Amino acid sequence: MDYGTGWGDPSKYGVSDGWEFVGPDRSHKQHFILRCKVCGSESSYIKYQLGKTHGCSDCWYVEQIMRKPHLWARLAPMIGAFAFKADRTELEELERMYALKDPRPCLS
């Protein structure tokens, strides 16, 4: 698909795994908009320049968390619980996962 002189054709370059092509960014030539397949929301859209690769770190959610160090301490137990450790048994993995606090607010 050709969007005109200077835009280029994104199908010639392909899109990295985990991302899907949404459409052209009309403000910059040779820039297109991709969406994270995992998140799938509008907030996960990124601008993609033809020929440039994108990874998970380009996702809006990951970027926002990495910019806010005060969130890292709150996420560490969850990341540790879901990160597989070869020396832990399956039972220990489940115990770790169920030991996480419920993130939902109490509505008593």
N, C-alpha and C. Protein backbone atom coordinates (compact mmCIF):
# COMPACT_ATOMS: atom_id res chain seq x y z
N MET A 1 0.86 -1.17 0.00
CA MET A 1 0.00 0.00 0.00
C MET A 1 0.90 1.23 0.00
N ASP A 2 0.68 2.13 -0.91
CA ASP A 2 1.51 3.33 -1.03
C ASP A 2 0.68 4.53 -0.59
N TYR A 3 1.23 5.32 0.34
CA TYR A 3 0.51 6.48 0.86
C TYR A 3 0.92 7.78 0.18
N GLY A 4 1.70 7.70 -0.89
CA GLY A 4 2.12 8.89 -1.61
C GLY A 4 3.62 9.09 -1.57
N THR A 5 4.10 10.09 -2.27
CA THR A 5 5.52 10.37 -2.35
C THR A 5 6.11 10.66 -0.97
N GLY A 6 7.17 9.94 -0.63
CA GLY A 6 7.86 10.17 0.64
C GLY A 6 7.33 9.36 1.80
N TRP A 7 6.17 8.73 1.65
CA TRP A 7 5.62 7.96 2.77
C TRP A 7 6.24 6.58 2.86
N GLY A 8 6.42 5.91 1.72
CA GLY A 8 6.95 4.56 1.73
C GLY A 8 5.85 3.54 1.94
N ASP A 9 6.21 2.28 1.86
CA ASP A 9 5.25 1.19 1.99
C ASP A 9 5.62 0.34 3.20
N PRO A 10 4.82 0.36 4.27
CA PRO A 10 5.17 -0.39 5.48
C PRO A 10 5.20 -1.90 5.26
N SER A 11 4.45 -2.41 4.28
CA SER A 11 4.43 -3.86 4.04
C SER A 11 5.78 -4.38 3.55
N LYS A 12 6.61 -3.51 2.99
CA LYS A 12 7.94 -3.92 2.54
C LYS A 12 8.89 -4.13 3.72
N TYR A 13 8.61 -3.50 4.84
CA TYR A 13 9.50 -3.56 6.00
C TYR A 13 9.05 -4.59 7.02
N GLY A 14 7.75 -4.86 7.07
CA GLY A 14 7.23 -5.78 8.07
C GLY A 14 7.10 -5.11 9.42
N VAL A 15 6.41 -5.78 10.32
CA VAL A 15 6.18 -5.27 11.66
C VAL A 15 6.69 -6.32 12.64
N SER A 16 7.36 -5.89 13.70
CA SER A 16 7.91 -6.81 14.70
C SER A 16 6.80 -7.64 15.34
N ASP A 17 7.16 -8.85 15.79
CA ASP A 17 6.20 -9.69 16.50
C ASP A 17 5.69 -8.96 17.73
N GLY A 18 4.42 -9.11 18.01
CA GLY A 18 3.82 -8.44 19.16
C GLY A 18 3.21 -7.10 18.82
N TRP A 19 3.41 -6.64 17.59
CA TRP A 19 2.85 -5.35 17.16
C TRP A 19 2.00 -5.55 15.92
N GLU A 20 0.97 -4.73 15.77
CA GLU A 20 0.17 -4.77 14.55
C GLU A 20 0.06 -3.38 13.96
N PHE A 21 0.02 -3.32 12.65
CA PHE A 21 -0.05 -2.06 11.92
C PHE A 21 -1.45 -1.47 12.03
N VAL A 22 -1.56 -0.19 12.39
CA VAL A 22 -2.85 0.49 12.51
C VAL A 22 -3.09 1.42 11.32
N GLY A 23 -2.15 2.30 11.03
CA GLY A 23 -2.32 3.22 9.92
C GLY A 23 -1.20 4.24 9.88
N PRO A 24 -1.23 5.14 8.90
CA PRO A 24 -0.16 6.14 8.77
C PRO A 24 -0.32 7.27 9.78
N ASP A 25 0.82 7.83 10.19
CA ASP A 25 0.82 9.03 11.02
C ASP A 25 0.89 10.21 10.06
N ARG A 26 -0.18 10.92 9.90
CA ARG A 26 -0.26 11.97 8.89
C ARG A 26 0.62 13.18 9.20
N SER A 27 1.15 13.28 10.42
CA SER A 27 1.98 14.43 10.77
C SER A 27 3.44 14.27 10.34
N HIS A 28 3.93 13.03 10.21
CA HIS A 28 5.33 12.79 9.83
C HIS A 28 5.39 11.78 8.70
N LYS A 29 6.10 12.12 7.64
CA LYS A 29 6.26 11.16 6.54
C LYS A 29 7.12 9.99 7.00
N GLN A 30 6.85 8.84 6.46
CA GLN A 30 7.52 7.58 6.77
C GLN A 30 7.32 7.15 8.22
N HIS A 31 6.31 7.66 8.89
CA HIS A 31 5.97 7.22 10.24
C HIS A 31 4.58 6.61 10.21
N PHE A 32 4.44 5.49 10.89
CA PHE A 32 3.17 4.80 10.94
C PHE A 32 2.84 4.47 12.39
N ILE A 33 1.61 4.12 12.65
CA ILE A 33 1.18 3.84 14.02
C ILE A 33 1.02 2.33 14.18
N LEU A 34 1.62 1.80 15.24
CA LEU A 34 1.51 0.39 15.58
C LEU A 34 0.79 0.27 16.91
N ARG A 35 0.19 -0.89 17.14
CA ARG A 35 -0.49 -1.16 18.41
C ARG A 35 0.08 -2.44 19.00
N CYS A 36 0.30 -2.43 20.30
CA CYS A 36 0.80 -3.61 21.00
C CYS A 36 -0.31 -4.67 21.00
N LYS A 37 -0.02 -5.89 20.54
CA LYS A 37 -1.03 -6.94 20.49
C LYS A 37 -1.41 -7.43 21.88
N VAL A 38 -0.48 -7.36 22.83
CA VAL A 38 -0.75 -7.83 24.18
C VAL A 38 -1.70 -6.89 24.90
N CYS A 39 -1.39 -5.59 24.89
CA CYS A 39 -2.25 -4.60 25.56
C CYS A 39 -3.53 -4.38 24.76
N GLY A 40 -3.37 -4.11 23.48
CA GLY A 40 -4.50 -3.93 22.60
C GLY A 40 -5.28 -2.65 22.77
N SER A 41 -4.89 -1.80 23.70
CA SER A 41 -5.66 -0.58 23.93
C SER A 41 -5.06 0.58 23.15
N GLU A 42 -5.81 1.65 23.06
CA GLU A 42 -5.32 2.82 22.31
C GLU A 42 -4.09 3.43 22.96
N SER A 43 -3.97 3.28 24.27
CA SER A 43 -2.82 3.88 24.95
C SER A 43 -1.53 3.14 24.64
N SER A 44 -1.61 1.98 23.99
CA SER A 44 -0.39 1.24 23.65
C SER A 44 0.08 1.55 22.23
N TYR A 45 -0.54 2.52 21.57
CA TYR A 45 -0.12 2.89 20.21
C TYR A 45 1.24 3.59 20.26
N ILE A 46 2.09 3.29 19.30
CA ILE A 46 3.36 3.98 19.17
C ILE A 46 3.53 4.43 17.74
N LYS A 47 4.39 5.42 17.54
CA LYS A 47 4.73 5.84 16.19
C LYS A 47 5.94 5.03 15.75
N TYR A 48 5.85 4.52 14.55
CA TYR A 48 6.86 3.61 14.02
C TYR A 48 7.47 4.22 12.77
N GLN A 49 8.79 4.34 12.77
CA GLN A 49 9.47 4.84 11.58
C GLN A 49 9.90 3.65 10.73
N LEU A 50 9.66 3.74 9.43
CA LEU A 50 9.97 2.61 8.55
C LEU A 50 11.42 2.18 8.71
N GLY A 51 11.62 0.87 8.82
CA GLY A 51 12.96 0.32 8.93
C GLY A 51 13.51 0.28 10.34
N LYS A 52 12.80 0.82 11.33
CA LYS A 52 13.27 0.83 12.71
C LYS A 52 12.55 -0.28 13.48
N THR A 53 13.28 -1.06 14.27
CA THR A 53 12.67 -2.16 15.00
C THR A 53 12.08 -1.67 16.31
N HIS A 54 11.09 -2.38 16.81
CA HIS A 54 10.44 -2.04 18.07
C HIS A 54 10.31 -3.29 18.92
N GLY A 55 10.49 -3.13 20.21
CA GLY A 55 10.36 -4.24 21.13
C GLY A 55 9.34 -3.92 22.20
N CYS A 56 9.26 -4.80 23.20
CA CYS A 56 8.29 -4.61 24.28
C CYS A 56 8.54 -3.31 25.03
N SER A 57 9.79 -2.88 25.12
CA SER A 57 10.09 -1.66 25.87
C SER A 57 9.48 -0.43 25.22
N ASP A 58 9.04 -0.55 23.96
CA ASP A 58 8.40 0.57 23.29
C ASP A 58 6.93 0.70 23.66
N CYS A 59 6.38 -0.30 24.33
CA CYS A 59 4.97 -0.27 24.71
C CYS A 59 4.73 0.86 25.71
N TRP A 60 3.62 1.54 25.59
CA TRP A 60 3.29 2.68 26.43
C TRP A 60 3.28 2.29 27.91
N TYR A 61 2.71 1.13 28.25
CA TYR A 61 2.61 0.72 29.65
C TYR A 61 3.98 0.49 30.26
N VAL A 62 4.85 -0.22 29.56
CA VAL A 62 6.19 -0.48 30.07
C VAL A 62 6.95 0.83 30.23
N GLU A 63 6.82 1.71 29.27
CA GLU A 63 7.51 3.00 29.32
C GLU A 63 7.05 3.83 30.52
N GLN A 64 5.76 3.84 30.79
CA GLN A 64 5.23 4.62 31.92
C GLN A 64 5.74 4.07 33.25
N ILE A 65 5.79 2.76 33.40
CA ILE A 65 6.28 2.15 34.64
C ILE A 65 7.77 2.43 34.82
N MET A 66 8.53 2.33 33.74
CA MET A 66 9.97 2.57 33.84
C MET A 66 10.29 4.02 34.19
N ARG A 67 9.41 4.93 33.86
CA ARG A 67 9.63 6.35 34.17
C ARG A 67 9.25 6.70 35.61
N LYS A 68 8.60 5.78 36.32
CA LYS A 68 8.13 6.07 37.68
C LYS A 68 8.74 5.07 38.66
N PRO A 69 9.95 5.35 39.17
CA PRO A 69 10.62 4.41 40.07
C PRO A 69 9.83 4.06 41.32
N HIS A 70 8.94 4.96 41.77
CA HIS A 70 8.17 4.65 42.98
C HIS A 70 7.22 3.46 42.76
N LEU A 71 6.93 3.11 41.51
CA LEU A 71 6.08 1.95 41.22
C LEU A 71 6.87 0.64 41.25
N TRP A 72 8.18 0.72 41.11
CA TRP A 72 8.99 -0.50 41.02
C TRP A 72 8.86 -1.35 42.27
N ALA A 73 8.86 -0.72 43.44
CA ALA A 73 8.77 -1.48 44.69
C ALA A 73 7.42 -2.19 44.80
N ARG A 74 6.37 -1.57 44.30
CA ARG A 74 5.04 -2.19 44.35
C ARG A 74 4.92 -3.35 43.37
N LEU A 75 5.66 -3.28 42.27
CA LEU A 75 5.58 -4.33 41.26
C LEU A 75 6.55 -5.48 41.51
N ALA A 76 7.58 -5.25 42.31
CA ALA A 76 8.62 -6.26 42.52
C ALA A 76 8.07 -7.60 43.03
N PRO A 77 7.16 -7.64 44.03
CA PRO A 77 6.65 -8.94 44.47
C PRO A 77 5.91 -9.69 43.37
N MET A 78 5.16 -8.97 42.56
CA MET A 78 4.42 -9.61 41.48
C MET A 78 5.37 -10.15 40.42
N ILE A 79 6.39 -9.37 40.08
CA ILE A 79 7.36 -9.83 39.09
C ILE A 79 8.11 -11.04 39.62
N GLY A 80 8.48 -11.01 40.90
CA GLY A 80 9.18 -12.14 41.51
C GLY A 80 8.32 -13.38 41.58
N ALA A 81 7.02 -13.21 41.80
CA ALA A 81 6.12 -14.36 41.89
C ALA A 81 5.92 -15.03 40.54
N PHE A 82 5.89 -14.24 39.49
CA PHE A 82 5.64 -14.81 38.17
C PHE A 82 6.91 -15.17 37.42
N ALA A 83 8.06 -14.73 37.93
CA ALA A 83 9.33 -15.09 37.29
C ALA A 83 9.69 -16.52 37.70
N PHE A 84 9.86 -17.41 36.76
CA PHE A 84 10.15 -18.81 37.05
C PHE A 84 11.57 -18.96 37.58
N LYS A 85 11.69 -19.72 38.64
CA LYS A 85 13.00 -20.04 39.21
C LYS A 85 13.18 -21.55 39.13
N ALA A 86 14.27 -21.98 38.54
CA ALA A 86 14.51 -23.41 38.31
C ALA A 86 14.62 -24.19 39.61
N ASP A 87 15.10 -23.56 40.69
CA ASP A 87 15.29 -24.28 41.94
C ASP A 87 14.03 -24.38 42.78
N ARG A 88 12.93 -23.73 42.38
CA ARG A 88 11.67 -23.83 43.13
C ARG A 88 10.79 -24.92 42.54
N THR A 89 10.07 -25.60 43.41
CA THR A 89 9.12 -26.62 42.93
C THR A 89 7.84 -25.93 42.49
N GLU A 90 6.96 -26.70 41.85
CA GLU A 90 5.69 -26.15 41.39
C GLU A 90 4.85 -25.68 42.58
N LEU A 91 4.90 -26.44 43.68
CA LEU A 91 4.16 -26.06 44.88
C LEU A 91 4.67 -24.73 45.44
N GLU A 92 5.98 -24.55 45.49
CA GLU A 92 6.55 -23.29 45.96
C GLU A 92 6.17 -22.13 45.04
N GLU A 93 6.09 -22.40 43.73
CA GLU A 93 5.67 -21.36 42.78
C GLU A 93 4.23 -20.93 43.08
N LEU A 94 3.35 -21.90 43.32
CA LEU A 94 1.94 -21.59 43.62
C LEU A 94 1.82 -20.84 44.95
N GLU A 95 2.56 -21.27 45.96
CA GLU A 95 2.53 -20.58 47.25
C GLU A 95 2.94 -19.12 47.10
N ARG A 96 3.95 -18.89 46.31
CA ARG A 96 4.42 -17.51 46.08
C ARG A 96 3.37 -16.68 45.38
N MET A 97 2.71 -17.29 44.40
CA MET A 97 1.70 -16.56 43.65
C MET A 97 0.50 -16.21 44.52
N TYR A 98 0.04 -17.17 45.34
CA TYR A 98 -1.13 -16.92 46.18
C TYR A 98 -0.81 -16.05 47.39
N ALA A 99 0.47 -15.83 47.69
CA ALA A 99 0.85 -14.96 48.80
C ALA A 99 0.77 -13.48 48.44
N LEU A 100 0.56 -13.18 47.16
CA LEU A 100 0.45 -11.78 46.74
C LEU A 100 -0.80 -11.14 47.33
N LYS A 101 -0.68 -9.88 47.68
CA LYS A 101 -1.83 -9.15 48.20
C LYS A 101 -2.81 -8.88 47.06
N ASP A 102 -4.09 -8.86 47.40
CA ASP A 102 -5.12 -8.56 46.41
C ASP A 102 -5.04 -7.07 46.07
N PRO A 103 -4.80 -6.72 44.80
CA PRO A 103 -4.64 -5.30 44.45
C PRO A 103 -5.95 -4.52 44.42
N ARG A 104 -7.09 -5.24 44.48
CA ARG A 104 -8.38 -4.54 44.43
C ARG A 104 -8.66 -3.83 45.75
N PRO A 105 -9.27 -2.67 45.71
CA PRO A 105 -9.60 -1.96 46.96
C PRO A 105 -10.70 -2.68 47.72
N CYS A 106 -10.65 -2.58 49.04
CA CYS A 106 -11.68 -3.20 49.88
C CYS A 106 -12.96 -2.37 49.80
N LEU A 107 -14.05 -3.02 49.51
CA LEU A 107 -15.34 -2.33 49.43
C LEU A 107 -16.27 -2.87 50.51
N SER A 108 -15.93 -2.62 51.77
CA SER A 108 -16.74 -3.13 52.88
C SER A 108 -17.85 -2.19 53.22
